[in-house]
Amino acid sequence: MDQEPAIPSGVLSDEKEVDQHSRAIQKLAQELHLPTDEIRQYYMSVLDVLKKEAKIKAFLPVLVSRSVKERLRHG
C-alpha cells in the first residue's frame, strides 16, 4: 500500500502547503488508480512550473491536479 507522499523539503513554504499538496497527490492516485510515486513525480513537475507564475497559491492544488489528470489521461 502507498505511504503518505513525501514532498521534498524547501519546495513548499509551510506545513499547510505540504498538507494540501500531499492530499491532492493521494486523491489523484486513488482516482486514477496509479501508484502514488508516479503521481507525485508528475505533480511535482507541474507544481514547479505553475508555482513560479502563481499569484494566488491557494489555487495551486486544484490547478496542478487538473493538469496532471489531463496529462495522464491524454498522454
N, C-alpha and C. Protein backbone atom coordinates (compact mmCIF):
# COMPACT_ATOMS: atom_id res chain seq x y z
N MET A 1 0.84 -1.19 0.00
CA MET A 1 0.00 0.00 0.00
C MET A 1 0.88 1.24 0.00
N ASP A 2 0.44 2.28 -0.70
CA ASP A 2 1.21 3.52 -0.80
C ASP A 2 1.26 4.24 0.53
N GLN A 3 2.40 4.84 0.81
CA GLN A 3 2.55 5.64 2.01
C GLN A 3 2.22 7.09 1.68
N GLU A 4 2.11 7.90 2.71
CA GLU A 4 1.88 9.33 2.52
C GLU A 4 2.98 9.90 1.65
N PRO A 5 2.63 10.64 0.60
CA PRO A 5 3.66 11.14 -0.31
C PRO A 5 4.58 12.14 0.37
N ALA A 6 5.87 12.02 0.10
CA ALA A 6 6.85 12.95 0.65
C ALA A 6 7.04 14.11 -0.33
N ILE A 7 6.98 15.29 0.18
CA ILE A 7 7.23 16.49 -0.61
C ILE A 7 8.65 16.92 -0.27
N PRO A 8 9.52 17.08 -1.26
CA PRO A 8 10.90 17.49 -0.96
C PRO A 8 10.95 18.78 -0.13
N SER A 9 11.80 18.80 0.87
CA SER A 9 11.91 19.99 1.72
C SER A 9 12.41 21.17 0.90
N GLY A 10 11.90 22.33 1.22
CA GLY A 10 12.29 23.54 0.52
C GLY A 10 11.43 23.88 -0.69
N VAL A 11 10.62 22.92 -1.13
CA VAL A 11 9.76 23.16 -2.29
C VAL A 11 8.56 24.01 -1.90
N LEU A 12 8.03 23.76 -0.72
CA LEU A 12 6.86 24.48 -0.25
C LEU A 12 7.21 25.26 1.01
N SER A 13 6.47 26.34 1.24
CA SER A 13 6.86 27.26 2.30
C SER A 13 6.42 26.87 3.71
N ASP A 14 5.34 26.09 3.84
CA ASP A 14 4.91 25.75 5.19
C ASP A 14 4.16 24.41 5.22
N GLU A 15 3.88 23.94 6.42
CA GLU A 15 3.23 22.64 6.60
C GLU A 15 1.84 22.60 5.98
N LYS A 16 1.14 23.72 6.00
CA LYS A 16 -0.20 23.77 5.40
C LYS A 16 -0.13 23.46 3.91
N GLU A 17 0.83 24.07 3.23
CA GLU A 17 1.02 23.81 1.80
C GLU A 17 1.40 22.35 1.56
N VAL A 18 2.31 21.83 2.35
CA VAL A 18 2.73 20.43 2.21
C VAL A 18 1.52 19.53 2.37
N ASP A 19 0.70 19.80 3.36
CA ASP A 19 -0.50 19.02 3.63
C ASP A 19 -1.48 19.07 2.44
N GLN A 20 -1.72 20.25 1.91
CA GLN A 20 -2.65 20.41 0.79
C GLN A 20 -2.18 19.64 -0.43
N HIS A 21 -0.92 19.75 -0.75
CA HIS A 21 -0.40 19.08 -1.93
C HIS A 21 -0.31 17.56 -1.71
N SER A 22 0.03 17.15 -0.52
CA SER A 22 0.07 15.71 -0.21
C SER A 22 -1.31 15.08 -0.36
N ARG A 23 -2.33 15.78 0.13
CA ARG A 23 -3.71 15.28 -0.02
C ARG A 23 -4.11 15.22 -1.49
N ALA A 24 -3.73 16.23 -2.25
CA ALA A 24 -4.06 16.25 -3.68
C ALA A 24 -3.40 15.08 -4.40
N ILE A 25 -2.17 14.77 -4.06
CA ILE A 25 -1.45 13.65 -4.67
C ILE A 25 -2.14 12.33 -4.32
N GLN A 26 -2.50 12.16 -3.07
CA GLN A 26 -3.21 10.95 -2.64
C GLN A 26 -4.53 10.79 -3.38
N LYS A 27 -5.27 11.87 -3.49
CA LYS A 27 -6.57 11.83 -4.16
C LYS A 27 -6.41 11.46 -5.63
N LEU A 28 -5.44 12.04 -6.31
CA LEU A 28 -5.19 11.72 -7.70
C LEU A 28 -4.81 10.25 -7.88
N ALA A 29 -3.96 9.75 -7.00
CA ALA A 29 -3.54 8.35 -7.08
C ALA A 29 -4.75 7.42 -6.96
N GLN A 30 -5.67 7.75 -6.05
CA GLN A 30 -6.87 6.94 -5.88
C GLN A 30 -7.79 7.06 -7.09
N GLU A 31 -8.02 8.27 -7.57
CA GLU A 31 -8.92 8.50 -8.70
C GLU A 31 -8.42 7.84 -9.98
N LEU A 32 -7.12 7.93 -10.21
CA LEU A 32 -6.55 7.44 -11.46
C LEU A 32 -6.03 6.00 -11.37
N HIS A 33 -6.11 5.44 -10.17
CA HIS A 33 -5.67 4.06 -9.93
C HIS A 33 -4.21 3.86 -10.36
N LEU A 34 -3.37 4.79 -9.93
CA LEU A 34 -1.94 4.75 -10.24
C LEU A 34 -1.16 4.85 -8.94
N PRO A 35 0.09 4.35 -8.95
CA PRO A 35 0.92 4.44 -7.74
C PRO A 35 1.18 5.89 -7.33
N THR A 36 1.20 6.11 -6.05
CA THR A 36 1.43 7.45 -5.51
C THR A 36 2.75 8.03 -6.00
N ASP A 37 3.79 7.20 -6.07
CA ASP A 37 5.09 7.69 -6.53
C ASP A 37 5.03 8.23 -7.95
N GLU A 38 4.29 7.55 -8.81
CA GLU A 38 4.15 8.01 -10.19
C GLU A 38 3.41 9.36 -10.25
N ILE A 39 2.33 9.46 -9.49
CA ILE A 39 1.55 10.70 -9.44
C ILE A 39 2.40 11.82 -8.88
N ARG A 40 3.14 11.52 -7.82
CA ARG A 40 3.96 12.55 -7.18
C ARG A 40 4.98 13.14 -8.17
N GLN A 41 5.58 12.29 -9.00
CA GLN A 41 6.56 12.78 -9.97
C GLN A 41 5.91 13.76 -10.94
N TYR A 42 4.76 13.40 -11.50
CA TYR A 42 4.06 14.30 -12.41
C TYR A 42 3.63 15.57 -11.68
N TYR A 43 3.04 15.38 -10.50
CA TYR A 43 2.51 16.50 -9.73
C TYR A 43 3.61 17.52 -9.43
N MET A 44 4.74 17.03 -8.94
CA MET A 44 5.81 17.95 -8.54
C MET A 44 6.40 18.68 -9.74
N SER A 45 6.46 18.03 -10.90
CA SER A 45 6.99 18.72 -12.09
C SER A 45 6.03 19.82 -12.55
N VAL A 46 4.74 19.54 -12.50
CA VAL A 46 3.75 20.56 -12.86
C VAL A 46 3.74 21.67 -11.82
N LEU A 47 3.79 21.32 -10.55
CA LEU A 47 3.80 22.32 -9.48
C LEU A 47 5.00 23.25 -9.62
N ASP A 48 6.14 22.70 -9.95
CA ASP A 48 7.35 23.51 -10.11
C ASP A 48 7.15 24.60 -11.16
N VAL A 49 6.49 24.27 -12.25
CA VAL A 49 6.25 25.23 -13.32
C VAL A 49 5.19 26.26 -12.91
N LEU A 50 4.05 25.77 -12.40
CA LEU A 50 2.94 26.67 -12.09
C LEU A 50 3.22 27.57 -10.89
N LYS A 51 4.00 27.08 -9.94
CA LYS A 51 4.27 27.86 -8.73
C LYS A 51 5.04 29.15 -9.04
N LYS A 52 5.87 29.10 -10.06
CA LYS A 52 6.68 30.27 -10.42
C LYS A 52 5.82 31.43 -10.89
N GLU A 53 4.67 31.13 -11.48
CA GLU A 53 3.81 32.18 -12.04
C GLU A 53 2.54 32.43 -11.23
N ALA A 54 2.31 31.62 -10.21
CA ALA A 54 1.06 31.72 -9.45
C ALA A 54 0.99 32.99 -8.62
N LYS A 55 -0.13 33.67 -8.75
CA LYS A 55 -0.36 34.85 -7.93
C LYS A 55 -1.13 34.47 -6.66
N ILE A 56 -2.00 33.48 -6.79
CA ILE A 56 -2.77 33.02 -5.64
C ILE A 56 -2.42 31.54 -5.43
N LYS A 57 -1.55 31.27 -4.49
CA LYS A 57 -1.02 29.93 -4.28
C LYS A 57 -2.06 28.95 -3.73
N ALA A 58 -3.14 29.46 -3.17
CA ALA A 58 -4.18 28.60 -2.62
C ALA A 58 -4.86 27.77 -3.71
N PHE A 59 -4.82 28.23 -4.94
CA PHE A 59 -5.45 27.51 -6.05
C PHE A 59 -4.53 26.47 -6.68
N LEU A 60 -3.28 26.44 -6.29
CA LEU A 60 -2.33 25.53 -6.92
C LEU A 60 -2.72 24.05 -6.85
N PRO A 61 -3.19 23.53 -5.71
CA PRO A 61 -3.55 22.11 -5.71
C PRO A 61 -4.60 21.76 -6.76
N VAL A 62 -5.57 22.64 -6.96
CA VAL A 62 -6.62 22.39 -7.95
C VAL A 62 -6.05 22.49 -9.36
N LEU A 63 -5.28 23.52 -9.62
CA LEU A 63 -4.72 23.72 -10.96
C LEU A 63 -3.73 22.62 -11.33
N VAL A 64 -2.88 22.25 -10.39
CA VAL A 64 -1.90 21.20 -10.66
C VAL A 64 -2.60 19.87 -10.86
N SER A 65 -3.59 19.57 -10.01
CA SER A 65 -4.33 18.30 -10.13
C SER A 65 -5.01 18.21 -11.49
N ARG A 66 -5.63 19.28 -11.92
CA ARG A 66 -6.30 19.30 -13.22
C ARG A 66 -5.30 19.03 -14.35
N SER A 67 -4.15 19.67 -14.27
CA SER A 67 -3.13 19.50 -15.29
C SER A 67 -2.58 18.07 -15.31
N VAL A 68 -2.35 17.50 -14.15
CA VAL A 68 -1.84 16.13 -14.06
C VAL A 68 -2.86 15.15 -14.63
N LYS A 69 -4.13 15.32 -14.27
CA LYS A 69 -5.19 14.43 -14.80
C LYS A 69 -5.22 14.49 -16.32
N GLU A 70 -5.19 15.69 -16.84
CA GLU A 70 -5.24 15.86 -18.28
C GLU A 70 -4.03 15.22 -18.96
N ARG A 71 -2.87 15.44 -18.40
CA ARG A 71 -1.64 14.88 -18.97
C ARG A 71 -1.68 13.35 -18.97
N LEU A 72 -2.14 12.77 -17.89
CA LEU A 72 -2.15 11.31 -17.78
C LEU A 72 -3.26 10.66 -18.58
N ARG A 73 -4.37 11.33 -18.71
CA ARG A 73 -5.50 10.76 -19.46
C ARG A 73 -5.31 10.88 -20.96
N HIS A 74 -4.61 11.93 -21.39
CA HIS A 74 -4.49 12.18 -22.82
C HIS A 74 -3.06 12.00 -23.34
N GLY A 75 -2.22 11.49 -22.48
CA GLY A 75 -0.84 11.21 -22.92
C GLY A 75 -0.07 12.42 -23.09
